[in-house]
């Protein structure tokens, strides 16, 4: 029996007989896992070269100064992603996810949260205009959850 294979956008491959005699359907899920290339994995938390190169001319900002920039009492709202400080005071009003996530993480490191939600192009497109300095040892108050197998497959497919 001949089968016709059709790729469906959200569900992988679907195959069915070319003739209409038999109405059996077979569904195949597939995923490819390949080693990350330097271009495709530039925002991975273990590969921060893109920030290091961009941060050469930025001033060093102390941990205390970053923690005080929490948006309260008229202070600016700063967040830290991979040891780079971003001023999100004005950007918070136009943040697609609303102001609350930025307000909750201001004055703190939010590297893993950023990388879990945003694609690598987000930081490339918005990061330069918001970057104000570099820092180190700014704590992230939230523990990163361990990735599930499905999540490991999902992110490379849809946030690349």
N, C-alpha and C. Protein backbone atom coordinates (compact mmCIF):
# COMPACT_ATOMS: atom_id res chain seq x y z
N UNK A 1 0.85 -1.17 0.00
CA UNK A 1 0.00 0.00 0.00
C UNK A 1 0.89 1.24 0.00
N UNK A 2 0.59 2.20 -0.82
CA UNK A 2 1.35 3.45 -0.87
C UNK A 2 0.82 4.42 0.17
N UNK A 3 1.74 5.14 0.79
CA UNK A 3 1.35 6.14 1.77
C UNK A 3 1.81 7.52 1.32
N UNK A 4 1.01 8.48 1.62
CA UNK A 4 1.38 9.87 1.37
C UNK A 4 1.73 10.47 2.74
N UNK A 5 2.87 11.13 2.83
CA UNK A 5 3.31 11.73 4.09
C UNK A 5 3.19 13.23 3.98
N UNK A 6 2.59 13.83 4.96
CA UNK A 6 2.38 15.28 4.96
C UNK A 6 2.86 15.84 6.28
N UNK A 7 3.63 16.91 6.21
CA UNK A 7 4.09 17.55 7.45
C UNK A 7 3.04 18.54 7.90
N UNK A 8 2.66 18.42 9.16
CA UNK A 8 1.70 19.36 9.73
C UNK A 8 2.45 20.33 10.63
N UNK A 9 2.08 21.61 10.65
CA UNK A 9 2.86 22.61 11.36
C UNK A 9 3.01 22.37 12.85
N UNK A 10 2.00 21.85 13.50
CA UNK A 10 2.10 21.74 14.95
C UNK A 10 2.21 20.32 15.46
N UNK A 11 2.03 19.33 14.62
CA UNK A 11 1.96 17.97 15.13
C UNK A 11 2.95 17.01 14.49
N UNK A 12 3.90 17.43 13.72
CA UNK A 12 4.87 16.51 13.15
C UNK A 12 4.42 15.99 11.80
N UNK A 13 4.50 14.68 11.62
CA UNK A 13 4.16 14.07 10.34
C UNK A 13 2.87 13.28 10.45
N UNK A 14 2.06 13.37 9.43
CA UNK A 14 0.86 12.56 9.35
C UNK A 14 0.93 11.80 8.03
N UNK A 15 0.66 10.52 8.07
CA UNK A 15 0.66 9.77 6.82
C UNK A 15 -0.67 9.05 6.68
N UNK A 16 -1.08 8.87 5.44
CA UNK A 16 -2.33 8.18 5.18
C UNK A 16 -2.23 7.57 3.79
N UNK A 17 -3.04 6.54 3.51
CA UNK A 17 -2.95 5.86 2.21
C UNK A 17 -3.30 6.81 1.07
N UNK A 18 -2.64 6.59 -0.09
CA UNK A 18 -2.94 7.41 -1.25
C UNK A 18 -4.34 7.13 -1.78
N UNK A 19 -4.76 5.91 -1.66
CA UNK A 19 -6.12 5.59 -2.12
C UNK A 19 -7.10 5.83 -0.98
N UNK A 20 -8.33 6.03 -1.31
CA UNK A 20 -9.35 6.29 -0.31
C UNK A 20 -10.03 5.01 0.18
N UNK A 21 -9.46 3.84 -0.18
CA UNK A 21 -10.07 2.57 0.21
C UNK A 21 -10.05 2.37 1.73
N UNK A 22 -8.94 2.69 2.35
CA UNK A 22 -8.78 2.43 3.78
C UNK A 22 -8.55 3.76 4.48
N UNK A 23 -9.26 4.01 5.55
CA UNK A 23 -9.15 5.27 6.26
C UNK A 23 -8.33 5.12 7.55
N UNK A 24 -7.17 4.56 7.43
CA UNK A 24 -6.29 4.48 8.60
C UNK A 24 -5.32 5.65 8.56
N UNK A 25 -5.04 6.16 9.70
CA UNK A 25 -4.13 7.30 9.79
C UNK A 25 -3.03 6.95 10.78
N UNK A 26 -1.84 7.31 10.44
CA UNK A 26 -0.70 7.09 11.32
C UNK A 26 -0.08 8.45 11.60
N UNK A 27 0.23 8.70 12.84
CA UNK A 27 0.81 9.98 13.24
C UNK A 27 2.18 9.73 13.84
N UNK A 28 3.18 10.46 13.38
CA UNK A 28 4.55 10.27 13.85
C UNK A 28 5.05 11.59 14.41
N UNK A 29 5.48 11.58 15.66
CA UNK A 29 6.12 12.76 16.26
C UNK A 29 7.62 12.62 16.06
N UNK A 30 8.29 13.70 15.80
CA UNK A 30 9.73 13.63 15.66
C UNK A 30 10.36 14.91 16.15
N UNK A 31 11.60 14.79 16.50
CA UNK A 31 12.38 15.96 16.90
C UNK A 31 13.83 15.68 16.56
N UNK A 32 14.54 16.70 16.23
CA UNK A 32 15.97 16.55 15.99
C UNK A 32 16.71 17.33 17.05
N UNK A 33 17.73 16.72 17.57
CA UNK A 33 18.56 17.38 18.56
C UNK A 33 19.95 17.49 17.96
N UNK A 34 20.43 18.68 17.83
CA UNK A 34 21.76 18.88 17.28
C UNK A 34 22.58 19.73 18.23
N UNK A 35 23.89 19.61 18.17
CA UNK A 35 24.71 20.43 19.06
C UNK A 35 24.55 21.89 18.71
N UNK A 36 24.56 22.76 19.71
CA UNK A 36 24.36 24.18 19.44
C UNK A 36 25.53 24.77 18.67
N UNK A 37 25.19 25.62 17.72
CA UNK A 37 26.24 26.35 17.03
C UNK A 37 26.43 27.68 17.73
N UNK A 38 27.54 28.32 17.47
CA UNK A 38 27.80 29.59 18.16
C UNK A 38 26.76 30.63 17.78
N UNK A 39 26.23 30.59 16.56
CA UNK A 39 25.24 31.57 16.14
C UNK A 39 23.88 31.30 16.78
N UNK A 40 23.49 30.01 16.87
CA UNK A 40 22.16 29.68 17.36
C UNK A 40 22.04 29.69 18.87
N UNK A 41 23.14 29.67 19.59
CA UNK A 41 23.06 29.51 21.03
C UNK A 41 23.69 30.70 21.75
N UNK A 42 23.64 31.87 21.16
CA UNK A 42 24.34 33.01 21.74
C UNK A 42 23.72 33.50 23.03
N UNK A 43 22.47 33.22 23.28
CA UNK A 43 21.85 33.68 24.52
C UNK A 43 21.80 32.61 25.59
N UNK A 44 22.46 31.51 25.33
CA UNK A 44 22.45 30.45 26.34
C UNK A 44 23.22 30.92 27.56
N UNK A 45 22.71 30.67 28.77
CA UNK A 45 23.34 31.17 29.98
C UNK A 45 24.81 30.77 30.13
N UNK A 46 25.21 29.65 29.54
CA UNK A 46 26.61 29.24 29.67
C UNK A 46 27.50 29.88 28.62
N UNK A 47 26.93 30.56 27.65
CA UNK A 47 27.71 31.19 26.60
C UNK A 47 27.35 32.67 26.57
N UNK A 48 28.09 33.47 27.27
CA UNK A 48 27.73 34.88 27.41
C UNK A 48 28.68 35.80 26.65
N UNK A 49 29.32 35.28 25.63
CA UNK A 49 30.28 36.09 24.89
C UNK A 49 29.64 37.31 24.25
N UNK A 50 28.40 37.18 23.79
CA UNK A 50 27.76 38.31 23.13
C UNK A 50 27.61 39.49 24.08
N UNK A 51 27.38 39.22 25.36
CA UNK A 51 27.28 40.30 26.33
C UNK A 51 28.65 40.85 26.69
N UNK A 52 29.62 39.96 26.84
CA UNK A 52 30.96 40.41 27.23
C UNK A 52 31.53 41.34 26.17
N UNK A 53 31.34 40.99 24.91
CA UNK A 53 31.85 41.85 23.84
C UNK A 53 31.14 43.19 23.83
N UNK A 54 29.85 43.17 24.06
CA UNK A 54 29.07 44.41 24.02
C UNK A 54 29.28 45.26 25.26
N UNK A 55 29.80 44.67 26.34
CA UNK A 55 29.89 45.41 27.60
C UNK A 55 31.26 46.01 27.86
N UNK A 56 32.19 45.89 26.92
CA UNK A 56 33.54 46.39 27.17
C UNK A 56 33.57 47.85 27.59
N UNK A 57 32.78 48.71 26.98
CA UNK A 57 32.82 50.13 27.29
C UNK A 57 31.85 50.57 28.37
N UNK A 58 31.16 49.65 29.00
CA UNK A 58 30.16 50.01 30.00
C UNK A 58 30.79 50.17 31.37
N UNK A 59 30.28 51.11 32.17
CA UNK A 59 30.82 51.30 33.52
C UNK A 59 30.40 50.16 34.44
N UNK A 60 31.22 49.89 35.45
CA UNK A 60 30.88 48.88 36.44
C UNK A 60 29.94 49.50 37.46
N UNK A 61 28.86 48.80 37.78
CA UNK A 61 27.87 49.26 38.76
C UNK A 61 27.87 48.26 39.91
N UNK A 62 28.00 48.75 41.13
CA UNK A 62 28.08 47.87 42.29
C UNK A 62 26.76 47.14 42.53
N UNK A 63 26.87 46.02 43.22
CA UNK A 63 25.68 45.22 43.56
C UNK A 63 24.68 46.04 44.36
N UNK A 64 25.17 46.81 45.32
CA UNK A 64 24.28 47.63 46.15
C UNK A 64 23.53 48.67 45.34
N UNK A 65 24.22 49.29 44.39
CA UNK A 65 23.56 50.30 43.55
C UNK A 65 22.47 49.66 42.68
N UNK A 66 22.76 48.46 42.16
CA UNK A 66 21.76 47.76 41.36
C UNK A 66 20.55 47.40 42.22
N UNK A 67 20.79 46.89 43.42
CA UNK A 67 19.69 46.48 44.29
C UNK A 67 18.84 47.67 44.73
N UNK A 68 19.43 48.85 44.80
CA UNK A 68 18.66 50.06 45.16
C UNK A 68 17.83 50.58 44.00
N UNK A 69 18.16 50.18 42.78
CA UNK A 69 17.41 50.63 41.60
C UNK A 69 16.23 49.69 41.37
N UNK A 70 15.30 49.70 42.31
CA UNK A 70 14.17 48.77 42.26
C UNK A 70 12.85 49.44 41.88
N UNK A 71 12.92 50.69 41.44
CA UNK A 71 11.73 51.40 40.99
C UNK A 71 10.89 52.00 42.10
N UNK A 72 11.29 51.83 43.34
CA UNK A 72 10.52 52.38 44.46
C UNK A 72 11.02 53.78 44.79
N UNK A 73 10.14 54.60 45.30
CA UNK A 73 10.48 55.96 45.75
C UNK A 73 11.20 56.77 44.67
N UNK A 74 10.76 56.61 43.43
CA UNK A 74 11.32 57.41 42.34
C UNK A 74 12.66 56.94 41.82
N UNK A 75 13.16 55.83 42.31
CA UNK A 75 14.45 55.32 41.79
C UNK A 75 14.22 54.65 40.44
N UNK A 76 15.27 54.54 39.62
CA UNK A 76 15.10 53.85 38.34
C UNK A 76 14.84 52.36 38.55
N UNK A 77 14.34 51.71 37.52
CA UNK A 77 14.09 50.28 37.57
C UNK A 77 15.14 49.59 36.71
N UNK A 78 16.06 48.89 37.36
CA UNK A 78 17.12 48.17 36.65
C UNK A 78 16.94 46.68 36.85
N UNK A 79 17.25 45.91 35.80
CA UNK A 79 17.31 44.46 35.91
C UNK A 79 18.68 44.02 35.41
N UNK A 80 19.10 42.83 35.81
CA UNK A 80 20.40 42.30 35.41
C UNK A 80 20.17 41.00 34.64
N UNK A 81 20.74 40.95 33.44
CA UNK A 81 20.70 39.74 32.62
C UNK A 81 22.14 39.42 32.25
N UNK A 82 22.62 38.28 32.71
CA UNK A 82 24.00 37.83 32.44
C UNK A 82 25.03 38.89 32.81
N UNK A 83 24.88 39.47 33.99
CA UNK A 83 25.81 40.47 34.55
C UNK A 83 25.84 41.79 33.78
N UNK A 84 24.85 42.05 32.95
CA UNK A 84 24.70 43.34 32.27
C UNK A 84 23.47 44.01 32.86
N UNK A 85 23.59 45.29 33.19
CA UNK A 85 22.51 46.04 33.83
C UNK A 85 21.70 46.76 32.74
N UNK A 86 20.39 46.62 32.81
CA UNK A 86 19.48 47.26 31.85
C UNK A 86 18.52 48.17 32.61
N UNK A 87 18.36 49.39 32.12
CA UNK A 87 17.40 50.33 32.70
C UNK A 87 16.07 50.15 31.98
N UNK A 88 15.11 49.58 32.68
CA UNK A 88 13.80 49.28 32.09
C UNK A 88 12.71 50.23 32.60
N UNK A 89 13.12 51.36 33.17
CA UNK A 89 12.17 52.30 33.76
C UNK A 89 11.12 52.73 32.74
N UNK A 90 11.55 53.23 31.59
CA UNK A 90 10.62 53.68 30.56
C UNK A 90 10.06 52.52 29.75
N UNK A 91 10.88 51.50 29.53
CA UNK A 91 10.46 50.34 28.74
C UNK A 91 9.32 49.57 29.40
N UNK A 92 9.23 49.61 30.73
CA UNK A 92 8.21 48.84 31.46
C UNK A 92 6.80 49.18 30.98
N UNK A 93 6.58 50.42 30.58
CA UNK A 93 5.24 50.83 30.12
C UNK A 93 4.85 50.15 28.81
N UNK A 94 5.83 49.80 27.99
CA UNK A 94 5.52 49.17 26.71
C UNK A 94 5.92 47.69 26.65
N UNK A 95 6.30 47.13 27.80
CA UNK A 95 6.66 45.71 27.86
C UNK A 95 5.44 44.86 27.53
N UNK A 96 5.54 43.96 26.54
CA UNK A 96 4.38 43.16 26.14
C UNK A 96 3.79 42.31 27.26
N UNK A 97 4.60 41.92 28.23
CA UNK A 97 4.11 41.10 29.34
C UNK A 97 3.60 41.92 30.50
N UNK A 98 3.52 43.23 30.32
CA UNK A 98 3.07 44.12 31.39
C UNK A 98 4.22 44.57 32.27
N UNK A 99 3.93 45.49 33.17
CA UNK A 99 4.96 46.05 34.04
C UNK A 99 5.29 45.15 35.22
N UNK A 100 4.37 44.31 35.63
CA UNK A 100 4.55 43.51 36.85
C UNK A 100 5.81 42.64 36.85
N UNK A 101 6.11 41.90 35.78
CA UNK A 101 7.33 41.08 35.83
C UNK A 101 8.60 41.92 36.01
N UNK A 102 8.66 43.06 35.34
CA UNK A 102 9.84 43.92 35.47
C UNK A 102 9.90 44.55 36.86
N UNK A 103 8.75 44.94 37.38
CA UNK A 103 8.71 45.52 38.72
C UNK A 103 9.15 44.49 39.77
N UNK A 104 8.69 43.26 39.63
CA UNK A 104 9.03 42.21 40.58
C UNK A 104 10.51 41.83 40.54
N UNK A 105 11.14 41.98 39.40
CA UNK A 105 12.54 41.58 39.26
C UNK A 105 13.50 42.76 39.24
N UNK A 106 13.01 43.97 39.40
CA UNK A 106 13.91 45.12 39.37
C UNK A 106 14.83 45.11 40.59
N UNK A 107 16.08 45.47 40.33
CA UNK A 107 17.10 45.44 41.37
C UNK A 107 17.67 44.05 41.59
N UNK A 108 17.30 43.12 40.72
CA UNK A 108 17.73 41.72 40.88
C UNK A 108 18.25 41.17 39.56
N UNK A 109 18.91 40.04 39.64
CA UNK A 109 19.28 39.30 38.44
C UNK A 109 18.08 38.48 37.99
N UNK A 110 17.84 38.46 36.70
CA UNK A 110 16.72 37.67 36.17
C UNK A 110 17.13 36.95 34.90
N UNK A 111 18.37 36.49 34.87
CA UNK A 111 18.92 35.86 33.66
C UNK A 111 18.12 34.64 33.22
N UNK A 112 17.91 33.69 34.11
CA UNK A 112 17.24 32.47 33.67
C UNK A 112 15.78 32.73 33.30
N UNK A 113 15.13 33.67 34.00
CA UNK A 113 13.75 33.99 33.65
C UNK A 113 13.68 34.59 32.24
N UNK A 114 14.61 35.49 31.95
CA UNK A 114 14.63 36.11 30.62
C UNK A 114 14.83 35.05 29.54
N UNK A 115 15.82 34.18 29.73
CA UNK A 115 16.14 33.19 28.71
C UNK A 115 15.05 32.14 28.55
N UNK A 116 14.26 31.88 29.58
CA UNK A 116 13.16 30.92 29.47
C UNK A 116 12.00 31.47 28.65
N UNK A 117 11.81 32.78 28.67
CA UNK A 117 10.62 33.38 28.05
C UNK A 117 10.91 34.00 26.69
N UNK A 118 12.07 34.62 26.53
CA UNK A 118 12.36 35.39 25.33
C UNK A 118 13.28 34.66 24.37
N UNK A 119 13.15 34.98 23.10
CA UNK A 119 14.06 34.45 22.10
C UNK A 119 15.36 35.25 22.12
N UNK A 120 16.38 34.71 21.48
CA UNK A 120 17.67 35.38 21.49
C UNK A 120 17.61 36.73 20.77
N UNK A 121 16.73 36.89 19.82
CA UNK A 121 16.66 38.14 19.08
C UNK A 121 16.07 39.29 19.91
N UNK A 122 15.33 38.96 20.96
CA UNK A 122 14.73 40.00 21.80
C UNK A 122 15.80 40.86 22.45
N UNK A 123 16.78 40.24 23.04
CA UNK A 123 17.85 40.99 23.70
C UNK A 123 18.72 41.71 22.68
N UNK A 124 18.92 41.10 21.52
CA UNK A 124 19.71 41.74 20.48
C UNK A 124 19.03 43.00 19.98
N UNK A 125 17.70 42.96 19.85
CA UNK A 125 17.00 44.12 19.29
C UNK A 125 16.75 45.22 20.32
N UNK A 126 16.48 44.87 21.57
CA UNK A 126 16.16 45.87 22.58
C UNK A 126 17.31 46.17 23.54
N UNK A 127 18.22 45.23 23.67
CA UNK A 127 19.26 45.34 24.69
C UNK A 127 20.16 46.54 24.58
N UNK A 128 20.58 46.90 23.39
CA UNK A 128 21.55 47.98 23.24
C UNK A 128 21.03 49.31 23.77
N UNK A 129 19.77 49.62 23.53
CA UNK A 129 19.23 50.91 23.96
C UNK A 129 18.96 50.96 25.47
N UNK A 130 18.85 49.80 26.12
CA UNK A 130 18.54 49.76 27.55
C UNK A 130 19.77 49.51 28.42
N UNK A 131 20.87 49.12 27.83
CA UNK A 131 22.08 48.74 28.56
C UNK A 131 22.72 49.96 29.22
N UNK A 132 22.98 49.88 30.54
CA UNK A 132 23.59 51.02 31.24
C UNK A 132 24.89 50.67 31.94
N UNK A 133 25.19 49.40 32.14
CA UNK A 133 26.42 49.05 32.83
C UNK A 133 26.59 47.55 32.96
N UNK A 134 27.65 47.20 33.66
CA UNK A 134 27.92 45.79 33.94
C UNK A 134 28.09 45.64 35.44
N UNK A 135 27.89 44.45 35.93
CA UNK A 135 27.96 44.20 37.36
C UNK A 135 28.34 42.75 37.60
N UNK A 136 28.40 42.35 38.85
CA UNK A 136 28.63 40.94 39.18
C UNK A 136 28.02 40.66 40.55
N UNK A 137 27.71 39.40 40.77
CA UNK A 137 27.20 38.91 42.05
C UNK A 137 25.86 39.50 42.48
N UNK A 138 25.04 39.92 41.54
CA UNK A 138 23.68 40.35 41.90
C UNK A 138 22.84 39.08 41.99
N UNK A 139 22.23 38.83 43.14
CA UNK A 139 21.51 37.56 43.32
C UNK A 139 20.18 37.51 42.58
N UNK A 140 19.81 36.30 42.22
CA UNK A 140 18.49 36.02 41.69
C UNK A 140 17.74 35.33 42.82
N UNK A 141 16.66 35.91 43.33
CA UNK A 141 15.99 35.34 44.50
C UNK A 141 15.20 34.06 44.21
N UNK A 142 15.07 33.72 42.94
CA UNK A 142 14.26 32.56 42.56
C UNK A 142 15.15 31.46 42.00
N UNK A 143 14.93 30.25 42.46
CA UNK A 143 15.69 29.10 41.99
C UNK A 143 15.15 28.66 40.64
N UNK A 144 16.06 28.39 39.71
CA UNK A 144 15.65 27.95 38.38
C UNK A 144 15.11 26.52 38.44
N UNK A 145 13.92 26.29 37.88
CA UNK A 145 13.39 24.92 37.88
C UNK A 145 14.18 24.04 36.92
N UNK A 146 14.23 22.77 37.24
CA UNK A 146 14.92 21.83 36.36
C UNK A 146 14.09 21.64 35.10
N UNK A 147 14.74 21.66 33.93
CA UNK A 147 13.97 21.51 32.69
C UNK A 147 13.44 20.10 32.53
N UNK A 148 12.26 20.01 31.97
CA UNK A 148 11.69 18.71 31.63
C UNK A 148 12.14 18.34 30.23
N UNK A 149 12.02 17.09 29.89
CA UNK A 149 12.43 16.64 28.56
C UNK A 149 11.65 17.37 27.47
N UNK A 150 10.36 17.53 27.67
CA UNK A 150 9.52 18.20 26.67
C UNK A 150 9.97 19.65 26.50
N UNK A 151 10.26 20.33 27.60
CA UNK A 151 10.70 21.73 27.53
C UNK A 151 12.03 21.85 26.79
N UNK A 152 12.92 20.87 26.98
CA UNK A 152 14.20 20.91 26.28
C UNK A 152 13.99 20.81 24.78
N UNK A 153 13.00 20.04 24.34
CA UNK A 153 12.71 19.93 22.91
C UNK A 153 11.95 21.14 22.40
N UNK A 154 11.05 21.68 23.21
CA UNK A 154 10.16 22.76 22.79
C UNK A 154 10.92 24.05 22.50
N UNK A 155 11.80 24.48 23.39
CA UNK A 155 12.45 25.78 23.25
C UNK A 155 13.27 25.90 21.96
N UNK A 156 14.13 24.92 21.60
CA UNK A 156 14.88 25.09 20.36
C UNK A 156 14.00 25.17 19.13
N UNK A 157 12.84 24.52 19.17
CA UNK A 157 11.97 24.53 18.00
C UNK A 157 11.23 25.85 17.82
N UNK A 158 10.84 26.48 18.91
CA UNK A 158 9.95 27.63 18.79
C UNK A 158 10.55 28.95 19.24
N UNK A 159 11.67 28.96 19.93
CA UNK A 159 12.27 30.22 20.36
C UNK A 159 13.63 30.45 19.72
N UNK A 160 13.90 29.78 18.63
CA UNK A 160 15.20 29.92 17.97
C UNK A 160 15.35 31.24 17.28
